[in-house]
Amino acid sequence: MGQVAWAYDLAKRLLEDPLPRRWAHTQGVGKRAEALAPILGDDADTLVAAAYLHDIGYSPRLVDTGFHPLDGARYLRDVHQADERLIRLVAHHSCAVNEALERSLYDALTSEFSAERPDLMDALTYCDMTTGPDGQHLDVEERLAEIHSRYGPEHLVSRSITASTPCIRAAVQAVTASLAQQP
């Protein structure tokens, strides 16, 4: 079984029943990642697999710290001995370091998992931050507003998204520019 099929099946097993809306989002993120194949070349499969796995840390079976990028990455490393690049993408997706700071988990995140190449991190951020909670395509500004409305202004996720907004916007702009240069 290829990496993408494995990732899809694993995410489905972990998310579909307990978190159907999260599973819908994940499927949408995966589809967005598939559309980036022309600008990713040999890295397309790694990105698509990471897109399907990026939110597995929300699965009730995996929650440990409550910080889904860290919980998901640890599970991939410890249980599945997954590809290192894939694990790093999950651990650091969508500017996760800012939420790690809010949760006092920055040292754990950065000591256990180094960051992946910036272009791949940007691509995963683009896919996540242009996909709504039900899997629909959203403009990045709509997605940011949706996250803030879901959590409320004082929640640590809203605070971390506010801190991450420049990083998120830059990632979306970079990927959009790369896509525009394709014939």
Protein backbone atom coordinates (compact mmCIF):
# COMPACT_ATOMS: atom_id res chain seq x y z
CA MET A 1 0.00 0.00 0.00
CA GLY A 2 1.35 3.43 -0.92
CA GLN A 3 1.95 6.19 1.59
CA VAL A 4 -1.12 8.20 0.54
CA ALA A 5 -3.50 5.22 0.70
CA TRP A 6 -2.07 4.23 4.09
CA ALA A 7 -2.46 7.79 5.41
CA TYR A 8 -6.03 8.07 4.13
CA ASP A 9 -7.02 4.75 5.70
CA LEU A 10 -5.38 5.57 9.03
CA ALA A 11 -7.01 9.01 9.23
CA LYS A 12 -10.37 7.53 8.30
CA ARG A 13 -10.10 4.89 11.06
CA LEU A 14 -9.15 7.52 13.64
CA LEU A 15 -11.53 10.33 12.68
CA GLU A 16 -14.57 9.18 10.71
CA ASP A 17 -16.75 7.80 13.53
CA PRO A 18 -15.74 9.88 16.56
CA LEU A 19 -15.22 13.18 14.69
CA PRO A 20 -17.14 13.19 11.38
CA ARG A 21 -16.77 16.92 10.85
CA ARG A 22 -13.01 16.73 11.43
CA TRP A 23 -12.95 13.85 8.95
CA ALA A 24 -14.79 16.01 6.38
CA HIS A 25 -12.21 18.77 6.88
CA THR A 26 -9.38 16.26 6.54
CA GLN A 27 -10.75 14.90 3.28
CA GLY A 28 -10.99 18.44 1.93
CA VAL A 29 -7.41 19.20 2.96
CA GLY A 30 -6.28 16.00 1.23
CA LYS A 31 -8.05 16.99 -1.99
CA ARG A 32 -6.44 20.44 -1.87
CA ALA A 33 -3.05 18.79 -1.44
CA GLU A 34 -3.65 16.54 -4.46
CA ALA A 35 -4.23 19.67 -6.53
CA LEU A 36 -0.73 20.93 -5.64
CA ALA A 37 1.03 18.02 -7.37
CA PRO A 38 2.17 20.19 -10.32
CA ILE A 39 4.24 22.44 -8.06
CA LEU A 40 5.55 19.72 -5.73
CA GLY A 41 6.95 17.09 -8.07
CA ASP A 42 8.47 14.19 -6.12
CA ASP A 43 7.21 15.60 -2.81
CA ALA A 44 3.53 15.43 -3.79
CA ASP A 45 2.86 12.07 -2.14
CA THR A 46 4.47 13.18 1.12
CA LEU A 47 2.36 16.32 1.20
CA VAL A 48 -0.87 14.50 0.39
CA ALA A 49 -0.18 11.90 3.08
CA ALA A 50 0.55 14.69 5.60
CA ALA A 51 -2.67 16.43 4.59
CA TYR A 52 -4.67 13.32 5.45
CA LEU A 53 -2.81 12.88 8.74
CA HIS A 54 -2.45 16.47 9.92
CA ASP A 55 -5.41 16.36 12.36
CA ILE A 56 -5.26 12.76 13.63
CA GLY A 57 -4.11 14.10 16.99
CA TYR A 58 -7.72 15.19 17.60
CA SER A 59 -8.79 11.54 17.68
CA PRO A 60 -9.99 10.62 21.19
CA ARG A 61 -7.77 7.54 20.94
CA LEU A 62 -4.66 9.69 20.56
CA VAL A 63 -5.23 12.69 22.82
CA ASP A 64 -2.44 12.95 25.36
CA THR A 65 -1.29 16.56 25.68
CA GLY A 66 -4.38 18.07 24.05
CA PHE A 67 -2.14 19.66 21.41
CA HIS A 68 -3.13 17.78 18.27
CA PRO A 69 0.02 18.36 16.16
CA LEU A 70 2.22 16.92 18.92
CA ASP A 71 -0.13 14.07 19.80
CA GLY A 72 -0.51 13.09 16.14
CA ALA A 73 3.23 13.29 15.40
CA ARG A 74 4.10 11.21 18.46
CA TYR A 75 1.58 8.56 17.43
CA LEU A 76 2.99 8.42 13.91
CA ARG A 77 6.53 8.13 15.27
CA ASP A 78 5.94 5.77 18.18
CA VAL A 79 3.23 3.47 16.83
CA HIS A 80 3.82 3.49 13.07
CA GLN A 81 7.47 4.51 12.73
CA ALA A 82 6.26 6.68 9.87
CA ASP A 83 8.46 8.62 7.48
CA GLU A 84 10.38 11.37 9.30
CA ARG A 85 9.36 14.08 6.84
CA LEU A 86 5.72 13.13 7.17
CA ILE A 87 5.95 13.26 10.96
CA ARG A 88 7.64 16.69 10.89
CA LEU A 89 4.91 18.07 8.61
CA VAL A 90 2.20 16.85 10.98
CA ALA A 91 4.05 18.18 14.03
CA HIS A 92 4.56 21.66 12.63
CA HIS A 93 1.52 22.15 10.39
CA SER A 94 -0.14 25.55 10.13
CA CYS A 95 2.40 27.44 12.24
CA ALA A 96 1.92 25.06 15.19
CA VAL A 97 4.80 26.57 17.13
CA ASN A 98 2.56 29.48 18.16
CA GLU A 99 -0.02 27.19 19.72
CA ALA A 100 2.80 25.19 21.30
CA LEU A 101 3.94 28.40 23.00
CA GLU A 102 0.40 29.04 24.28
CA ARG A 103 0.25 25.51 25.69
CA SER A 104 3.77 25.59 27.19
CA LEU A 105 4.71 22.75 24.82
CA TYR A 106 7.16 24.61 22.61
CA ASP A 107 10.22 22.83 24.03
CA ALA A 108 8.58 19.41 23.64
CA LEU A 109 7.53 20.14 20.05
CA THR A 110 10.82 21.60 18.89
CA SER A 111 13.10 19.17 20.72
CA GLU A 112 11.23 16.11 19.47
CA PHE A 113 10.48 17.29 15.94
CA SER A 114 12.52 19.60 13.77
CA ALA A 115 10.74 21.66 11.14
CA GLU A 116 10.38 20.42 7.57
CA ARG A 117 11.34 22.34 4.44
CA PRO A 118 9.58 25.72 4.29
CA ASP A 119 7.99 25.12 0.87
CA LEU A 120 6.34 21.91 2.09
CA MET A 121 5.26 23.56 5.34
CA ASP A 122 3.75 26.39 3.30
CA ALA A 123 1.94 23.89 1.07
CA LEU A 124 0.37 22.07 4.03
CA THR A 125 -0.57 25.37 5.67
CA TYR A 126 -2.18 26.48 2.40
CA CYS A 127 -4.23 23.28 2.20
CA ASP A 128 -5.36 23.47 5.85
CA MET A 129 -6.05 27.19 5.88
CA THR A 130 -8.08 27.23 2.68
CA THR A 131 -10.34 24.35 3.72
CA GLY A 132 -13.31 24.84 6.02
CA PRO A 133 -14.50 22.55 8.80
CA ASP A 134 -16.87 20.72 6.46
CA GLY A 135 -14.25 20.21 3.74
CA GLN A 136 -15.32 23.15 1.59
CA HIS A 137 -12.86 25.55 -0.04
CA LEU A 138 -12.58 28.85 1.81
CA ASP A 139 -10.55 31.97 1.25
CA VAL A 140 -7.82 32.23 3.90
CA GLU A 141 -9.53 35.25 5.49
CA GLU A 142 -12.80 33.32 5.74
CA ARG A 143 -10.95 30.40 7.31
CA LEU A 144 -9.23 32.60 9.87
CA ALA A 145 -12.56 34.23 10.76
CA GLU A 146 -14.21 30.81 11.04
CA ILE A 147 -11.57 29.61 13.51
CA HIS A 148 -11.92 32.75 15.62
CA SER A 149 -15.71 32.46 15.66
CA ARG A 150 -15.57 28.78 16.62
CA TYR A 151 -13.22 29.30 19.57
CA GLY A 152 -13.96 32.84 20.71
CA PRO A 153 -11.48 35.67 21.21
CA GLU A 154 -9.97 34.57 24.52
CA HIS A 155 -9.34 30.91 23.69
CA LEU A 156 -5.70 29.89 23.29
CA VAL A 157 -6.41 28.62 19.76
CA SER A 158 -7.67 32.08 18.77
CA ARG A 159 -4.64 33.69 20.37
CA SER A 160 -2.28 31.33 18.56
CA ILE A 161 -4.09 31.86 15.24
CA THR A 162 -3.72 35.62 15.73
CA ALA A 163 0.01 35.16 16.28
CA SER A 164 0.18 32.79 13.28
CA THR A 165 -1.81 34.97 10.89
CA PRO A 166 1.23 36.59 9.19
CA CYS A 167 2.81 33.15 8.71
CA ILE A 168 -0.45 31.68 7.40
CA ARG A 169 -1.06 34.55 4.97
CA ALA A 170 2.52 34.36 3.69
CA ALA A 171 2.20 30.60 3.13
CA VAL A 172 -1.06 31.00 1.22
CA GLN A 173 0.41 33.82 -0.88
CA ALA A 174 3.55 31.79 -1.69
CA VAL A 175 1.58 28.73 -2.80
CA THR A 176 -0.91 30.83 -4.75
CA ALA A 177 1.99 32.51 -6.58
CA SER A 178 3.58 29.14 -7.38
CA LEU A 179 0.28 27.83 -8.74
CA ALA A 180 -0.16 30.96 -10.88
CA GLN A 181 3.23 30.34 -12.53
CA GLN A 182 2.15 26.91 -13.76
CA PRO A 183 1.36 26.66 -17.49
